[in-house]
Protein backbone atom coordinates (compact mmCIF):
# COMPACT_ATOMS: atom_id res chain seq x y z
CA UNK A 1 80.51 109.64 81.28
CA UNK A 2 81.17 107.74 84.47
CA UNK A 3 84.76 106.57 84.75
CA UNK A 4 86.21 104.24 87.35
CA UNK A 5 89.89 103.62 87.98
CA UNK A 6 90.95 100.82 90.31
CA UNK A 7 94.40 100.74 91.87
CA UNK A 8 96.30 99.36 94.83
CA UNK A 9 96.76 95.75 93.90
CA UNK A 10 100.01 93.92 94.28
CA UNK A 11 101.83 90.92 95.65
CA UNK A 12 101.46 90.34 99.36
CA UNK A 13 102.17 87.49 101.75
CA UNK A 14 99.35 85.64 103.42
CA UNK A 15 98.29 87.43 106.56
CA UNK A 16 99.11 90.82 105.13
CA UNK A 17 96.83 93.66 104.08
CA UNK A 18 96.07 95.62 100.95
CA UNK A 19 94.05 98.72 100.33
CA UNK A 20 92.39 98.97 96.97
CA UNK A 21 91.16 102.31 95.69
CA UNK A 22 88.51 103.18 93.14
CA UNK A 23 88.66 106.70 91.77
CA UNK A 24 85.27 107.65 90.41
CA UNK A 25 84.25 110.53 88.20
CA UNK A 26 81.41 111.63 85.98
CA UNK A 27 78.48 111.06 88.34
CA UNK A 28 75.76 113.64 87.86
CA UNK A 29 74.14 113.10 91.25
CA UNK A 30 74.64 111.36 94.58
CA UNK A 31 72.50 108.28 94.02
CA UNK A 32 75.06 105.65 93.15
CA UNK A 33 76.80 102.70 94.65
CA UNK A 34 80.38 101.55 94.19
CA UNK A 35 80.78 97.80 94.03
CA UNK A 36 83.91 95.68 94.25
CA UNK A 37 84.12 92.39 92.41
CA UNK A 38 86.90 89.89 91.97
CA UNK A 39 87.57 87.12 89.53
CA UNK A 40 90.24 84.46 89.70
CA UNK A 41 91.26 82.41 86.67
CA UNK A 42 88.79 79.61 86.07
CA UNK A 43 86.35 80.91 88.67
CA UNK A 44 83.15 82.89 88.50
CA UNK A 45 83.13 86.55 89.28
CA UNK A 46 82.31 87.27 92.90
CA UNK A 47 80.76 90.38 94.38
CA UNK A 48 82.99 91.26 97.32
CA UNK A 49 81.77 94.53 98.78
CA UNK A 50 79.65 97.57 98.08
CA UNK A 51 79.01 101.02 99.50
CA UNK A 52 76.39 103.69 98.86
CA UNK A 53 78.27 106.89 99.77
CA UNK A 54 75.13 109.02 100.15
CA UNK A 55 73.70 106.96 103.01
CA UNK A 56 76.63 104.89 104.22
CA UNK A 57 75.10 101.50 103.41
CA UNK A 58 77.79 98.82 103.21
CA UNK A 59 77.80 95.22 102.08
CA UNK A 60 80.43 92.51 102.49
CA UNK A 61 80.45 89.04 101.02
CA UNK A 62 80.84 86.23 103.53
CA UNK A 63 84.23 85.42 102.08
CA UNK A 64 85.67 88.75 103.29
CA UNK A 65 83.32 89.69 106.13
CA UNK A 66 85.30 90.57 109.22
CA UNK A 67 88.47 91.09 107.16
CA UNK A 68 87.38 93.85 104.82
CA UNK A 69 86.49 97.49 105.33
CA UNK A 70 84.98 99.66 102.63
CA UNK A 71 85.04 103.43 102.97
CA UNK A 72 84.26 106.42 100.79
CA UNK A 73 86.10 109.72 100.61
CA UNK A 74 83.73 112.23 99.08
CA UNK A 75 86.39 114.94 98.87
CA UNK A 76 88.54 112.72 96.66
CA UNK A 77 85.64 110.86 94.98
CA UNK A 78 87.35 107.65 95.98
CA UNK A 79 86.14 104.42 97.50
CA UNK A 80 88.68 102.31 99.34
CA UNK A 81 88.50 98.62 100.13
CA UNK A 82 90.96 97.34 102.68
CA UNK A 83 91.32 93.61 103.13
CA UNK A 84 93.27 92.31 106.10
CA UNK A 85 94.44 88.81 106.96
CA UNK A 86 94.78 88.07 103.27
CA UNK A 87 94.61 84.45 102.18
CA UNK A 88 95.88 82.79 99.01
CA UNK A 89 92.26 82.33 97.97
CA UNK A 90 91.91 86.12 97.85
CA UNK A 91 94.13 86.07 94.78
CA UNK A 92 92.14 87.53 91.90
CA UNK A 93 91.73 90.53 89.68
CA UNK A 94 89.65 93.07 91.57
CA UNK A 95 87.29 95.39 89.74
CA UNK A 96 85.29 98.35 90.90
CA UNK A 97 81.95 98.97 89.28
CA UNK A 98 79.01 101.25 89.75
CA UNK A 99 75.25 101.15 89.64
CA UNK A 100 72.37 102.71 91.55
CA UNK A 101 72.38 100.21 94.41
CA UNK A 102 74.24 97.36 96.08
CA UNK A 103 72.32 94.56 94.37
CA UNK A 104 75.72 93.14 93.70
CA UNK A 105 74.49 89.90 92.11
CA UNK A 106 72.99 91.90 89.28
CA UNK A 107 74.70 93.66 86.41
CA UNK A 108 76.63 96.87 86.88
CA UNK A 109 76.37 99.82 84.54
CA UNK A 110 79.98 100.94 84.71
CA UNK A 111 83.25 99.09 85.19
CA UNK A 112 86.84 99.97 85.91
CA UNK A 113 89.76 98.11 84.40
CA UNK A 114 90.71 96.05 87.45
CA UNK A 115 93.77 95.62 89.62
CA UNK A 116 95.56 92.34 90.33
CA UNK A 117 95.91 91.03 93.88
CA UNK A 118 98.20 88.08 94.42
CA UNK A 119 98.58 86.52 97.86
CA UNK A 120 101.49 84.19 98.37
CA UNK A 121 101.38 81.40 100.95
């Protein structure tokens, strides 16, 4: 079974940076994408970023474009999402998920448990 474990959240001041990690296991091939979502209380879930490790395709939502960098480490089976210049509106629980592509508005087959990011002003 595919398992995803998100980590790296925390409390950070506005303007700071955080690097979130998604440890992935259980994939039987190389055709998969790792997606990052976030959800703040009372708000809809938002697809933030996505990467297809096999071909390097990357996607960033407008809300983080220019501030976020997604990378994959095949040796560690980990996908990292770094967000710089954090804003209070980045406060949310961040989840990593997986599916076959970066059609991030659609459903994802597998989900991790999430990690909380809180940005203080």
